[in-house]
């Protein structure tokens, strides 16, 4: 799945019932995972365990898969 967000978009805190992985392809942002801040930039890889609170803020146009 390819996720693209315009700069300024925020996704509020939520959970997902399944585990996944995120790789940043382009852009920058901030990802909050279980209360920990992760700076998003190209090449960053995140493991997202099921049922873990997370949120996202795009500071630049952002593409992730």
PDB file of N, CA and C in Angstrom:
ATOM      1  N   UNK A   1       0.838  -1.158   0.000  1.00  0.00           N
ATOM      2  CA  UNK A   1       0.000   0.000   0.000  1.00  0.00           C
ATOM      3  C   UNK A   1       0.895   1.236   0.000  1.00  0.00           C
ATOM      4  N   UNK A   2       0.591   2.206  -0.808  1.00  0.00           N
ATOM      5  CA  UNK A   2       1.298   3.480  -0.856  1.00  0.00           C
ATOM      6  C   UNK A   2       0.434   4.520  -0.156  1.00  0.00           C
ATOM      7  N   UNK A   3       1.015   5.228   0.812  1.00  0.00           N
ATOM      8  CA  UNK A   3       0.306   6.272   1.546  1.00  0.00           C
ATOM      9  C   UNK A   3       0.970   7.597   1.203  1.00  0.00           C
ATOM     10  N   UNK A   4       0.192   8.541   0.696  1.00  0.00           N
ATOM     11  CA  UNK A   4       0.708   9.866   0.349  1.00  0.00           C
ATOM     12  C   UNK A   4      -0.093  10.920   1.106  1.00  0.00           C
ATOM     13  N   UNK A   5       0.614  11.827   1.769  1.00  0.00           N
ATOM     14  CA  UNK A   5      -0.031  12.883   2.545  1.00  0.00           C
ATOM     15  C   UNK A   5       0.575  14.229   2.170  1.00  0.00           C
ATOM     16  N   UNK A   6      -0.273  15.255   2.036  1.00  0.00           N
ATOM     17  CA  UNK A   6       0.209  16.612   1.805  1.00  0.00           C
ATOM     18  C   UNK A   6       0.768  17.185   3.101  1.00  0.00           C
ATOM     19  N   UNK A   7       1.705  18.092   2.982  1.00  0.00           N
ATOM     20  CA  UNK A   7       2.254  18.788   4.147  1.00  0.00           C
ATOM     21  C   UNK A   7       1.119  19.383   4.969  1.00  0.00           C
ATOM     22  N   UNK A   8       1.213  19.241   6.277  1.00  0.00           N
ATOM     23  CA  UNK A   8       0.197  19.792   7.174  1.00  0.00           C
ATOM     24  C   UNK A   8      -0.883  18.801   7.583  1.00  0.00           C
ATOM     25  N   UNK A   9      -0.968  17.676   6.890  1.00  0.00           N
ATOM     26  CA  UNK A   9      -1.980  16.671   7.238  1.00  0.00           C
ATOM     27  C   UNK A   9      -1.579  15.979   8.542  1.00  0.00           C
ATOM     28  N   UNK A  10      -2.564  15.786   9.411  1.00  0.00           N
ATOM     29  CA  UNK A  10      -2.343  15.070  10.663  1.00  0.00           C
ATOM     30  C   UNK A  10      -3.339  13.926  10.761  1.00  0.00           C
ATOM     31  N   UNK A  11      -2.849  12.778  11.163  1.00  0.00           N
ATOM     32  CA  UNK A  11      -3.712  11.620  11.408  1.00  0.00           C
ATOM     33  C   UNK A  11      -3.724  11.415  12.919  1.00  0.00           C
ATOM     34  N   UNK A  12      -4.887  11.530  13.560  1.00  0.00           N
ATOM     35  CA  UNK A  12      -4.949  11.433  15.012  1.00  0.00           C
ATOM     36  C   UNK A  12      -4.596  10.038  15.529  1.00  0.00           C
ATOM     37  N   UNK A  13      -4.316   9.981  16.811  1.00  0.00           N
ATOM     38  CA  UNK A  13      -3.930   8.731  17.465  1.00  0.00           C
ATOM     39  C   UNK A  13      -5.011   7.665  17.278  1.00  0.00           C
ATOM     40  N   UNK A  14      -4.555   6.460  16.921  1.00  0.00           N
ATOM     41  CA  UNK A  14      -5.463   5.338  16.701  1.00  0.00           C
ATOM     42  C   UNK A  14      -4.664   4.039  16.802  1.00  0.00           C
ATOM     43  N   UNK A  15      -5.330   2.911  16.671  1.00  0.00           N
ATOM     44  CA  UNK A  15      -4.661   1.609  16.642  1.00  0.00           C
ATOM     45  C   UNK A  15      -5.086   0.876  15.377  1.00  0.00           C
ATOM     46  N   UNK A  16      -4.361  -0.174  15.079  1.00  0.00           N
ATOM     47  CA  UNK A  16      -4.684  -1.061  13.973  1.00  0.00           C
ATOM     48  C   UNK A  16      -4.701  -2.480  14.520  1.00  0.00           C
ATOM     49  N   UNK A  17      -5.609  -3.292  14.047  1.00  0.00           N
ATOM     50  CA  UNK A  17      -5.735  -4.656  14.573  1.00  0.00           C
ATOM     51  C   UNK A  17      -4.704  -5.613  13.982  1.00  0.00           C
ATOM     52  N   UNK A  18      -3.869  -5.131  13.082  1.00  0.00           N
ATOM     53  CA  UNK A  18      -2.857  -5.991  12.476  1.00  0.00           C
ATOM     54  C   UNK A  18      -1.478  -5.322  12.539  1.00  0.00           C
ATOM     55  N   UNK A  19      -0.441  -6.128  12.514  1.00  0.00           N
ATOM     56  CA  UNK A  19       0.935  -5.626  12.500  1.00  0.00           C
ATOM     57  C   UNK A  19       1.309  -5.180  11.093  1.00  0.00           C
ATOM     58  N   UNK A  20       2.297  -4.309  11.012  1.00  0.00           N
ATOM     59  CA  UNK A  20       2.743  -3.870   9.699  1.00  0.00           C
ATOM     60  C   UNK A  20       4.105  -3.203   9.768  1.00  0.00           C
ATOM     61  N   UNK A  21       4.565  -2.755   8.621  1.00  0.00           N
ATOM     62  CA  UNK A  21       5.833  -2.060   8.493  1.00  0.00           C
ATOM     63  C   UNK A  21       5.614  -0.828   7.646  1.00  0.00           C
ATOM     64  N   UNK A  22       6.371   0.223   7.918  1.00  0.00           N
ATOM     65  CA  UNK A  22       6.296   1.461   7.154  1.00  0.00           C
ATOM     66  C   UNK A  22       7.712   1.831   6.718  1.00  0.00           C
ATOM     67  N   UNK A  23       7.875   2.161   5.451  1.00  0.00           N
ATOM     68  CA  UNK A  23       9.133   2.683   4.931  1.00  0.00           C
ATOM     69  C   UNK A  23       8.850   4.036   4.297  1.00  0.00           C
ATOM     70  N   UNK A  24       9.577   5.064   4.723  1.00  0.00           N
ATOM     71  CA  UNK A  24       9.391   6.401   4.164  1.00  0.00           C
ATOM     72  C   UNK A  24      10.140   6.482   2.834  1.00  0.00           C
ATOM     73  N   UNK A  25       9.422   6.888   1.793  1.00  0.00           N
ATOM     74  CA  UNK A  25       9.996   7.003   0.455  1.00  0.00           C
ATOM     75  C   UNK A  25      10.428   8.441   0.167  1.00  0.00           C
ATOM     76  N   UNK A  26       9.587   9.379   0.599  1.00  0.00           N
ATOM     77  CA  UNK A  26       9.824  10.788   0.263  1.00  0.00           C
ATOM     78  C   UNK A  26       9.182  11.670   1.323  1.00  0.00           C
ATOM     79  N   UNK A  27       9.797  12.824   1.586  1.00  0.00           N
ATOM     80  CA  UNK A  27       9.214  13.815   2.480  1.00  0.00           C
ATOM     81  C   UNK A  27       9.652  13.654   3.925  1.00  0.00           C
ATOM     82  N   UNK A  28       8.994  14.441   4.783  1.00  0.00           N
ATOM     83  CA  UNK A  28       9.344  14.449   6.201  1.00  0.00           C
ATOM     84  C   UNK A  28       8.079  14.573   7.049  1.00  0.00           C
ATOM     85  N   UNK A  29       8.194  14.101   8.290  1.00  0.00           N
ATOM     86  CA  UNK A  29       7.079  14.194   9.213  1.00  0.00           C
ATOM     87  C   UNK A  29       7.474  13.658  10.575  1.00  0.00           C
ATOM     88  N   UNK A  30       6.488  13.573  11.449  1.00  0.00           N
ATOM     89  CA  UNK A  30       6.670  13.033  12.796  1.00  0.00           C
ATOM     90  C   UNK A  30       5.656  11.911  12.983  1.00  0.00           C
ATOM     91  N   UNK A  31       6.132  10.785  13.454  1.00  0.00           N
ATOM     92  CA  UNK A  31       5.299   9.612  13.727  1.00  0.00           C
ATOM     93  C   UNK A  31       5.403   9.345  15.219  1.00  0.00           C
ATOM     94  N   UNK A  32       4.291   9.211  15.880  1.00  0.00           N
ATOM     95  CA  UNK A  32       4.273   8.868  17.301  1.00  0.00           C
ATOM     96  C   UNK A  32       3.856   7.413  17.419  1.00  0.00           C
ATOM     97  N   UNK A  33       4.695   6.611  18.056  1.00  0.00           N
ATOM     98  CA  UNK A  33       4.443   5.183  18.225  1.00  0.00           C
ATOM     99  C   UNK A  33       4.573   4.844  19.705  1.00  0.00           C
ATOM    100  N   UNK A  34       3.436   4.515  20.330  1.00  0.00           N
ATOM    101  CA  UNK A  34       3.412   4.164  21.760  1.00  0.00           C
ATOM    102  C   UNK A  34       4.097   5.239  22.602  1.00  0.00           C
ATOM    103  N   UNK A  35       3.831   6.515  22.279  1.00  0.00           N
ATOM    104  CA  UNK A  35       4.381   7.616  23.054  1.00  0.00           C
ATOM    105  C   UNK A  35       5.795   8.034  22.693  1.00  0.00           C
ATOM    106  N   UNK A  36       6.416   7.355  21.728  1.00  0.00           N
ATOM    107  CA  UNK A  36       7.780   7.684  21.303  1.00  0.00           C
ATOM    108  C   UNK A  36       7.744   8.423  19.964  1.00  0.00           C
ATOM    109  N   UNK A  37       8.477   9.514  19.878  1.00  0.00           N
ATOM    110  CA  UNK A  37       8.547  10.291  18.638  1.00  0.00           C
ATOM    111  C   UNK A  37       9.566   9.676  17.687  1.00  0.00           C
ATOM    112  N   UNK A  38       9.145   9.489  16.431  1.00  0.00           N
ATOM    113  CA  UNK A  38      10.038   9.003  15.382  1.00  0.00           C
ATOM    114  C   UNK A  38      10.039  10.052  14.271  1.00  0.00           C
ATOM    115  N   UNK A  39      11.215  10.589  13.943  1.00  0.00           N
ATOM    116  CA  UNK A  39      11.321  11.566  12.858  1.00  0.00           C
ATOM    117  C   UNK A  39      11.296  10.810  11.538  1.00  0.00           C
ATOM    118  N   UNK A  40      10.360  11.188  10.678  1.00  0.00           N
ATOM    119  CA  UNK A  40      10.226  10.539   9.371  1.00  0.00           C
ATOM    120  C   UNK A  40      11.037  11.288   8.329  1.00  0.00           C
ATOM    121  N   UNK A  41      11.820  10.542   7.577  1.00  0.00           N
ATOM    122  CA  UNK A  41      12.577  11.053   6.442  1.00  0.00           C
ATOM    123  C   UNK A  41      12.865   9.857   5.541  1.00  0.00           C
ATOM    124  N   UNK A  42      13.231  10.088   4.292  1.00  0.00           N
ATOM    125  CA  UNK A  42      13.450   8.973   3.382  1.00  0.00           C
ATOM    126  C   UNK A  42      14.393   7.919   3.968  1.00  0.00           C
ATOM    127  N   UNK A  43      13.985   6.654   3.845  1.00  0.00           N
ATOM    128  CA  UNK A  43      14.783   5.538   4.318  1.00  0.00           C
ATOM    129  C   UNK A  43      14.413   5.038   5.704  1.00  0.00           C
ATOM    130  N   UNK A  44      13.653   5.818   6.474  1.00  0.00           N
ATOM    131  CA  UNK A  44      13.261   5.385   7.814  1.00  0.00           C
ATOM    132  C   UNK A  44      12.293   4.215   7.704  1.00  0.00           C
ATOM    133  N   UNK A  45      12.534   3.199   8.512  1.00  0.00           N
ATOM    134  CA  UNK A  45      11.736   1.973   8.535  1.00  0.00           C
ATOM    135  C   UNK A  45      11.156   1.817   9.942  1.00  0.00           C
ATOM    136  N   UNK A  46       9.855   1.584  10.035  1.00  0.00           N
ATOM    137  CA  UNK A  46       9.187   1.452  11.324  1.00  0.00           C
ATOM    138  C   UNK A  46       8.425   0.138  11.366  1.00  0.00           C
ATOM    139  N   UNK A  47       8.597  -0.601  12.450  1.00  0.00           N
ATOM    140  CA  UNK A  47       7.772  -1.784  12.698  1.00  0.00           C
ATOM    141  C   UNK A  47       6.589  -1.327  13.536  1.00  0.00           C
ATOM    142  N   UNK A  48       5.387  -1.657  13.094  1.00  0.00           N
ATOM    143  CA  UNK A  48       4.159  -1.229  13.758  1.00  0.00           C
ATOM    144  C   UNK A  48       3.419  -2.456  14.291  1.00  0.00           C
ATOM    145  N   UNK A  49       3.577  -2.762  15.593  1.00  0.00           N
ATOM    146  CA  UNK A  49       2.875  -3.917  16.159  1.00  0.00           C
ATOM    147  C   UNK A  49       1.361  -3.687  16.209  1.00  0.00           C
ATOM    148  N   UNK A  50       0.608  -4.750  16.112  1.00  0.00           N
ATOM    149  CA  UNK A  50      -0.851  -4.674  16.210  1.00  0.00           C
ATOM    150  C   UNK A  50      -1.259  -4.033  17.539  1.00  0.00           C
ATOM    151  N   UNK A  51      -2.357  -3.298  17.513  1.00  0.00           N
ATOM    152  CA  UNK A  51      -2.984  -2.707  18.699  1.00  0.00           C
ATOM    153  C   UNK A  51      -2.100  -1.711  19.444  1.00  0.00           C
ATOM    154  N   UNK A  52      -1.164  -1.073  18.745  1.00  0.00           N
ATOM    155  CA  UNK A  52      -0.280  -0.073  19.347  1.00  0.00           C
ATOM    156  C   UNK A  52      -0.749   1.323  18.930  1.00  0.00           C
ATOM    157  N   UNK A  53      -0.930   2.214  19.906  1.00  0.00           N
ATOM    158  CA  UNK A  53      -1.340   3.576  19.584  1.00  0.00           C
ATOM    159  C   UNK A  53      -0.276   4.261  18.728  1.00  0.00           C
ATOM    160  N   UNK A  54      -0.739   4.945  17.673  1.00  0.00           N
ATOM    161  CA  UNK A  54       0.170   5.683  16.812  1.00  0.00           C
ATOM    162  C   UNK A  54      -0.564   6.841  16.154  1.00  0.00           C
ATOM    163  N   UNK A  55       0.200   7.857  15.748  1.00  0.00           N
ATOM    164  CA  UNK A  55      -0.344   9.009  15.036  1.00  0.00           C
ATOM    165  C   UNK A  55       0.746   9.560  14.118  1.00  0.00           C
ATOM    166  N   UNK A  56       0.372  10.524  13.276  1.00  0.00           N
ATOM    167  CA  UNK A  56       1.287  10.992  12.245  1.00  0.00           C
ATOM    168  C   UNK A  56       0.998  12.442  11.902  1.00  0.00           C
ATOM    169  N   UNK A  57       2.060  13.203  11.668  1.00  0.00           N
ATOM    170  CA  UNK A  57       1.958  14.572  11.195  1.00  0.00           C
ATOM    171  C   UNK A  57       2.958  14.754  10.057  1.00  0.00           C
ATOM    172  N   UNK A  58       2.489  15.176   8.894  1.00  0.00           N
ATOM    173  CA  UNK A  58       3.364  15.401   7.734  1.00  0.00           C
ATOM    174  C   UNK A  58       3.831  16.853   7.745  1.00  0.00           C
ATOM    175  N   UNK A  59       5.147  17.061   7.854  1.00  0.00           N
ATOM    176  CA  UNK A  59       5.688  18.415   7.820  1.00  0.00           C
ATOM    177  C   UNK A  59       6.044  18.838   6.398  1.00  0.00           C
ATOM    178  N   UNK A  60       6.212  17.862   5.509  1.00  0.00           N
ATOM    179  CA  UNK A  60       6.380  18.070   4.060  1.00  0.00           C
ATOM    180  C   UNK A  60       5.465  17.063   3.386  1.00  0.00           C
ATOM    181  N   UNK A  61       5.256  17.202   2.079  1.00  0.00           N
ATOM    182  CA  UNK A  61       4.543  16.165   1.353  1.00  0.00           C
ATOM    183  C   UNK A  61       5.267  14.848   1.638  1.00  0.00           C
ATOM    184  N   UNK A  62       4.509  13.803   1.946  1.00  0.00           N
ATOM    185  CA  UNK A  62       5.086  12.575   2.476  1.00  0.00           C
ATOM    186  C   UNK A  62       4.553  11.383   1.706  1.00  0.00           C
ATOM    187  N   UNK A  63       5.449  10.452   1.364  1.00  0.00           N
ATOM    188  CA  UNK A  63       5.057   9.188   0.722  1.00  0.00           C
ATOM    189  C   UNK A  63       5.688   8.057   1.500  1.00  0.00           C
ATOM    190  N   UNK A  64       4.862   7.059   1.856  1.00  0.00           N
ATOM    191  CA  UNK A  64       5.322   5.906   2.620  1.00  0.00           C
ATOM    192  C   UNK A  64       4.679   4.660   2.053  1.00  0.00           C
ATOM    193  N   UNK A  65       5.344   3.515   2.277  1.00  0.00           N
ATOM    194  CA  UNK A  65       4.721   2.252   1.906  1.00  0.00           C
ATOM    195  C   UNK A  65       4.927   1.251   3.005  1.00  0.00           C
TER     196      UNK A  65
END
